[in-house]
Structures are given as structure tokens and as C-alpha cells.
Protein backbone atom coordinates (compact mmCIF):
# COMPACT_ATOMS: atom_id res chain seq x y z
CA UNK A 1 -24.68 -15.49 -24.05
CA UNK A 2 -21.21 -14.38 -23.04
CA UNK A 3 -19.54 -17.58 -24.22
CA UNK A 4 -20.80 -17.15 -27.77
CA UNK A 5 -19.59 -13.54 -27.85
CA UNK A 6 -16.13 -14.64 -26.73
CA UNK A 7 -16.03 -17.48 -29.26
CA UNK A 8 -17.15 -15.15 -32.07
CA UNK A 9 -14.45 -12.63 -31.14
CA UNK A 10 -11.89 -15.44 -31.09
CA UNK A 11 -12.96 -16.52 -34.57
CA UNK A 12 -12.80 -12.96 -35.94
CA UNK A 13 -9.33 -12.48 -34.43
CA UNK A 14 -8.14 -15.68 -36.11
CA UNK A 15 -7.00 -17.16 -32.81
CA UNK A 16 -7.30 -20.90 -32.29
CA UNK A 17 -8.72 -22.39 -29.12
CA UNK A 18 -5.31 -23.77 -28.12
CA UNK A 19 -3.59 -20.44 -28.82
CA UNK A 20 -6.16 -18.58 -26.73
CA UNK A 21 -5.68 -21.05 -23.90
CA UNK A 22 -1.91 -20.79 -24.00
CA UNK A 23 -1.66 -17.02 -24.39
CA UNK A 24 -4.36 -16.21 -21.84
CA UNK A 25 -3.02 -18.59 -19.22
CA UNK A 26 -6.42 -20.27 -18.95
CA UNK A 27 -5.98 -24.04 -19.14
CA UNK A 28 -7.71 -25.84 -22.01
CA UNK A 29 -10.16 -27.68 -19.74
CA UNK A 30 -11.08 -24.47 -17.90
CA UNK A 31 -11.42 -22.53 -21.17
CA UNK A 32 -13.60 -25.28 -22.61
CA UNK A 33 -15.84 -25.14 -19.55
CA UNK A 34 -16.15 -21.37 -19.94
CA UNK A 35 -17.00 -21.57 -23.64
CA UNK A 36 -19.44 -24.43 -23.06
CA UNK A 37 -21.25 -22.38 -20.42
CA UNK A 38 -20.40 -24.82 -17.64
CA UNK A 39 -18.41 -22.26 -15.65
CA UNK A 40 -18.82 -18.49 -15.41
CA UNK A 41 -16.20 -16.06 -16.71
CA UNK A 42 -14.46 -13.90 -14.14
CA UNK A 43 -13.40 -10.34 -14.84
CA UNK A 44 -9.81 -11.59 -14.90
CA UNK A 45 -10.71 -14.26 -17.50
CA UNK A 46 -12.34 -11.64 -19.71
CA UNK A 47 -9.41 -9.24 -19.35
CA UNK A 48 -6.91 -11.93 -20.33
CA UNK A 49 -9.02 -13.07 -23.28
CA UNK A 50 -9.58 -9.51 -24.49
CA UNK A 51 -5.85 -8.81 -24.35
CA UNK A 52 -5.05 -11.89 -26.44
CA UNK A 53 -7.76 -11.03 -28.97
CA UNK A 54 -6.74 -7.37 -29.13
CA UNK A 55 -10.19 -6.06 -28.23
CA UNK A 56 -11.56 -4.10 -25.29
CA UNK A 57 -13.34 -6.18 -22.66
CA UNK A 58 -16.58 -4.42 -23.54
CA UNK A 59 -16.41 -5.95 -27.04
CA UNK A 60 -16.88 -9.38 -25.43
CA UNK A 61 -20.12 -8.43 -23.71
CA UNK A 62 -23.46 -9.42 -25.24
CA UNK A 63 -25.01 -6.58 -27.21
CA UNK A 64 -21.72 -4.77 -27.67
CA UNK A 65 -21.50 -2.56 -30.73
CA UNK A 66 -18.41 -3.38 -32.82
CA UNK A 67 -15.72 -0.71 -32.79
CA UNK A 68 -14.88 -0.11 -36.44
CA UNK A 69 -12.33 2.60 -35.75
């Protein structure tokens, strides 16, 4: 599930929910709905989240292989 991949990446980056919301420009209610699986992520959402977390967008996709480089 995409939401769990995003939440795991957030945890590994040490970024709080509120920090991710603020820095990505995705409001807390909207981000909560995304992470709870209520709403679907857009490509723009994923790009903003990836930028905040310092990972490529592909790292947020289910089944992605971690980039250890």
C-alpha cells in the first residue's frame, strides 16, 4: 500500500507528520486522508513528499528497492 510506504519513509527520515505537512504544503487533514488511505496520492503529492524526505519518488512506491548508495 502506497500510504504505508510513505509513512515508513517519513519515519526513516525522522520527519514528523506536522513537519511533513508544513514542508510539503499538504494540509494536515489532506495528508492524514492520504496516509489513512481515504484519498489517493497525486504525482504532485508524491513529488512534494519525496523532496521533503530527501528520497526519489520511486523510493515511495510499493516494492521499491532501497537505494543504499
